Amino acid sequence: MKRAHGQMGAVIRMLEDGRSCEEIVTQMAAVGKAVNTAAFKLIAASLKECIEDESIDREIVTEKLQKLFLSLA
């Protein structure tokens, strides 16, 4: 998330400096990728917890994780 935050700051500076549309869109794509990467890491951590914790209802958690993954698609 820190990476995405820094990249978003760069987008703002680029807009203020009047940089080209192509440069700005490229940087915005990098922001999106950084946010998605962070989200996937968070979901993966949740999945690991689910696998390790036998008291969790795997069916419910699987359903929730699937919805989270699909929300990033």
N, C-alpha and C. Protein backbone atom coordinates (compact mmCIF):
# COMPACT_ATOMS: atom_id res chain seq x y z
N MET A 1 0.83 -1.18 0.00
CA MET A 1 0.00 0.00 0.00
C MET A 1 0.88 1.25 0.00
N LYS A 2 2.03 1.16 0.64
CA LYS A 2 2.93 2.32 0.62
C LYS A 2 3.41 2.61 -0.80
N ARG A 3 3.66 1.53 -1.55
CA ARG A 3 4.08 1.71 -2.94
C ARG A 3 2.98 2.41 -3.74
N ALA A 4 1.75 1.96 -3.59
CA ALA A 4 0.62 2.57 -4.30
C ALA A 4 0.46 4.03 -3.88
N HIS A 5 0.62 4.28 -2.61
CA HIS A 5 0.50 5.65 -2.10
C HIS A 5 1.55 6.55 -2.75
N GLY A 6 2.78 6.08 -2.81
CA GLY A 6 3.84 6.86 -3.44
C GLY A 6 3.59 7.08 -4.92
N GLN A 7 3.12 6.04 -5.59
CA GLN A 7 2.83 6.16 -7.02
C GLN A 7 1.67 7.11 -7.27
N MET A 8 0.69 7.11 -6.38
CA MET A 8 -0.44 8.03 -6.54
C MET A 8 0.02 9.47 -6.36
N GLY A 9 0.94 9.68 -5.42
CA GLY A 9 1.53 11.01 -5.26
C GLY A 9 2.23 11.45 -6.53
N ALA A 10 2.89 10.51 -7.19
CA ALA A 10 3.57 10.82 -8.46
C ALA A 10 2.55 11.21 -9.52
N VAL A 11 1.41 10.53 -9.55
CA VAL A 11 0.36 10.87 -10.52
C VAL A 11 -0.11 12.30 -10.28
N ILE A 12 -0.33 12.66 -9.04
CA ILE A 12 -0.79 14.02 -8.71
C ILE A 12 0.24 15.05 -9.16
N ARG A 13 1.51 14.78 -8.88
CA ARG A 13 2.57 15.71 -9.31
C ARG A 13 2.63 15.82 -10.83
N MET A 14 2.45 14.69 -11.50
CA MET A 14 2.47 14.69 -12.97
C MET A 14 1.33 15.53 -13.52
N LEU A 15 0.16 15.40 -12.91
CA LEU A 15 -0.99 16.21 -13.35
C LEU A 15 -0.72 17.70 -13.13
N GLU A 16 -0.18 18.01 -11.96
CA GLU A 16 0.12 19.41 -11.65
C GLU A 16 1.20 19.98 -12.58
N ASP A 17 2.13 19.12 -13.01
CA ASP A 17 3.21 19.56 -13.89
C ASP A 17 2.82 19.56 -15.37
N GLY A 18 1.61 19.08 -15.66
CA GLY A 18 1.15 19.08 -17.04
C GLY A 18 1.82 18.02 -17.91
N ARG A 19 2.19 16.91 -17.32
CA ARG A 19 2.85 15.84 -18.08
C ARG A 19 1.88 15.22 -19.08
N SER A 20 2.41 14.45 -19.99
CA SER A 20 1.58 13.89 -21.07
C SER A 20 0.59 12.86 -20.53
N CYS A 21 -0.50 12.73 -21.25
CA CYS A 21 -1.55 11.78 -20.90
C CYS A 21 -0.97 10.36 -20.84
N GLU A 22 -0.12 10.02 -21.79
CA GLU A 22 0.45 8.68 -21.83
C GLU A 22 1.28 8.37 -20.58
N GLU A 23 2.07 9.32 -20.14
CA GLU A 23 2.88 9.13 -18.94
C GLU A 23 1.99 8.95 -17.70
N ILE A 24 0.95 9.77 -17.62
CA ILE A 24 0.06 9.73 -16.46
C ILE A 24 -0.71 8.41 -16.42
N VAL A 25 -1.22 7.98 -17.56
CA VAL A 25 -1.97 6.72 -17.59
C VAL A 25 -1.06 5.54 -17.25
N THR A 26 0.17 5.58 -17.74
CA THR A 26 1.13 4.52 -17.41
C THR A 26 1.36 4.47 -15.90
N GLN A 27 1.51 5.62 -15.28
CA GLN A 27 1.73 5.67 -13.83
C GLN A 27 0.47 5.22 -13.09
N MET A 28 -0.70 5.57 -13.60
CA MET A 28 -1.94 5.14 -12.96
C MET A 28 -2.10 3.63 -13.05
N ALA A 29 -1.66 3.04 -14.15
CA ALA A 29 -1.70 1.58 -14.27
C ALA A 29 -0.81 0.94 -13.21
N ALA A 30 0.33 1.56 -12.94
CA ALA A 30 1.23 1.06 -11.90
C ALA A 30 0.57 1.14 -10.53
N VAL A 31 -0.19 2.20 -10.29
CA VAL A 31 -0.93 2.34 -9.02
C VAL A 31 -1.92 1.19 -8.89
N GLY A 32 -2.66 0.95 -9.95
CA GLY A 32 -3.65 -0.14 -9.93
C GLY A 32 -3.01 -1.49 -9.65
N LYS A 33 -1.88 -1.74 -10.29
CA LYS A 33 -1.19 -3.01 -10.08
C LYS A 33 -0.70 -3.14 -8.64
N ALA A 34 -0.19 -2.05 -8.09
CA ALA A 34 0.30 -2.08 -6.70
C ALA A 34 -0.85 -2.36 -5.73
N VAL A 35 -2.00 -1.75 -5.96
CA VAL A 35 -3.15 -1.97 -5.09
C VAL A 35 -3.63 -3.42 -5.21
N ASN A 36 -3.72 -3.93 -6.44
CA ASN A 36 -4.15 -5.32 -6.64
C ASN A 36 -3.17 -6.30 -6.00
N THR A 37 -1.88 -6.04 -6.13
CA THR A 37 -0.89 -6.91 -5.52
C THR A 37 -1.06 -6.95 -4.01
N ALA A 38 -1.29 -5.80 -3.41
CA ALA A 38 -1.51 -5.74 -1.96
C ALA A 38 -2.77 -6.53 -1.59
N ALA A 39 -3.82 -6.40 -2.37
CA ALA A 39 -5.06 -7.12 -2.09
C ALA A 39 -4.86 -8.63 -2.19
N PHE A 40 -4.14 -9.08 -3.23
CA PHE A 40 -3.89 -10.51 -3.37
C PHE A 40 -3.06 -11.04 -2.21
N LYS A 41 -2.10 -10.26 -1.74
CA LYS A 41 -1.29 -10.68 -0.60
C LYS A 41 -2.15 -10.80 0.66
N LEU A 42 -3.07 -9.88 0.82
CA LEU A 42 -3.97 -9.92 1.97
C LEU A 42 -4.88 -11.15 1.91
N ILE A 43 -5.41 -11.44 0.73
CA ILE A 43 -6.26 -12.61 0.57
C ILE A 43 -5.45 -13.89 0.81
N ALA A 44 -4.22 -13.92 0.29
CA ALA A 44 -3.37 -15.10 0.49
C ALA A 44 -3.09 -15.33 1.98
N ALA A 45 -2.89 -14.25 2.71
CA ALA A 45 -2.66 -14.38 4.16
C ALA A 45 -3.90 -14.95 4.84
N SER A 46 -5.06 -14.51 4.41
CA SER A 46 -6.32 -15.02 4.98
C SER A 46 -6.47 -16.50 4.65
N LEU A 47 -6.10 -16.87 3.44
CA LEU A 47 -6.19 -18.27 3.03
C LEU A 47 -5.27 -19.14 3.89
N LYS A 48 -4.08 -18.65 4.14
CA LYS A 48 -3.13 -19.39 4.98
C LYS A 48 -3.70 -19.59 6.38
N GLU A 49 -4.29 -18.54 6.94
CA GLU A 49 -4.91 -18.65 8.27
C GLU A 49 -6.01 -19.70 8.26
N CYS A 50 -6.80 -19.70 7.21
CA CYS A 50 -7.91 -20.64 7.09
C CYS A 50 -7.40 -22.07 7.05
N ILE A 51 -6.33 -22.30 6.32
CA ILE A 51 -5.78 -23.64 6.20
C ILE A 51 -5.23 -24.11 7.54
N GLU A 52 -4.62 -23.23 8.28
CA GLU A 52 -3.99 -23.59 9.55
C GLU A 52 -4.98 -23.72 10.70
N ASP A 53 -6.10 -23.02 10.65
CA ASP A 53 -7.07 -23.03 11.74
C ASP A 53 -8.18 -24.03 11.43
N GLU A 54 -8.17 -25.14 12.15
CA GLU A 54 -9.14 -26.20 11.89
C GLU A 54 -10.54 -25.88 12.41
N SER A 55 -10.67 -24.84 13.24
CA SER A 55 -11.98 -24.51 13.80
C SER A 55 -12.82 -23.65 12.84
N ILE A 56 -12.21 -23.18 11.76
CA ILE A 56 -12.92 -22.31 10.81
C ILE A 56 -13.76 -23.16 9.85
N ASP A 57 -14.95 -22.68 9.55
CA ASP A 57 -15.82 -23.34 8.57
C ASP A 57 -15.25 -23.06 7.17
N ARG A 58 -14.57 -24.05 6.62
CA ARG A 58 -13.85 -23.88 5.35
C ARG A 58 -14.78 -23.52 4.19
N GLU A 59 -15.98 -24.04 4.21
CA GLU A 59 -16.92 -23.76 3.12
C GLU A 59 -17.27 -22.28 3.07
N ILE A 60 -17.57 -21.71 4.21
CA ILE A 60 -17.93 -20.29 4.28
C ILE A 60 -16.74 -19.43 3.90
N VAL A 61 -15.57 -19.75 4.44
CA VAL A 61 -14.37 -18.96 4.14
C VAL A 61 -14.00 -19.08 2.66
N THR A 62 -14.12 -20.29 2.10
CA THR A 62 -13.82 -20.49 0.68
C THR A 62 -14.72 -19.60 -0.18
N GLU A 63 -15.99 -19.55 0.16
CA GLU A 63 -16.94 -18.72 -0.57
C GLU A 63 -16.56 -17.24 -0.50
N LYS A 64 -16.22 -16.79 0.71
CA LYS A 64 -15.83 -15.39 0.89
C LYS A 64 -14.56 -15.06 0.11
N LEU A 65 -13.56 -15.95 0.17
CA LEU A 65 -12.30 -15.71 -0.54
C LEU A 65 -12.50 -15.70 -2.05
N GLN A 66 -13.37 -16.58 -2.53
CA GLN A 66 -13.67 -16.59 -3.98
C GLN A 66 -14.27 -15.26 -4.40
N LYS A 67 -15.18 -14.73 -3.61
CA LYS A 67 -15.80 -13.45 -3.93
C LYS A 67 -14.75 -12.34 -3.93
N LEU A 68 -13.82 -12.40 -2.97
CA LEU A 68 -12.77 -11.40 -2.92
C LEU A 68 -11.87 -11.46 -4.15
N PHE A 69 -11.46 -12.67 -4.53
CA PHE A 69 -10.63 -12.83 -5.73
C PHE A 69 -11.36 -12.30 -6.96
N LEU A 70 -12.64 -12.66 -7.09
CA LEU A 70 -13.40 -12.20 -8.25
C LEU A 70 -13.60 -10.69 -8.27
N SER A 71 -13.64 -10.08 -7.11
CA SER A 71 -13.79 -8.62 -7.07
C SER A 71 -12.57 -7.91 -7.63
N LEU A 72 -11.42 -8.60 -7.67
CA LEU A 72 -10.20 -8.01 -8.21
C LEU A 72 -10.04 -8.27 -9.70
N ALA A 73 -10.88 -9.12 -10.25
CA ALA A 73 -10.75 -9.48 -11.68
C ALA A 73 -11.27 -8.37 -12.58
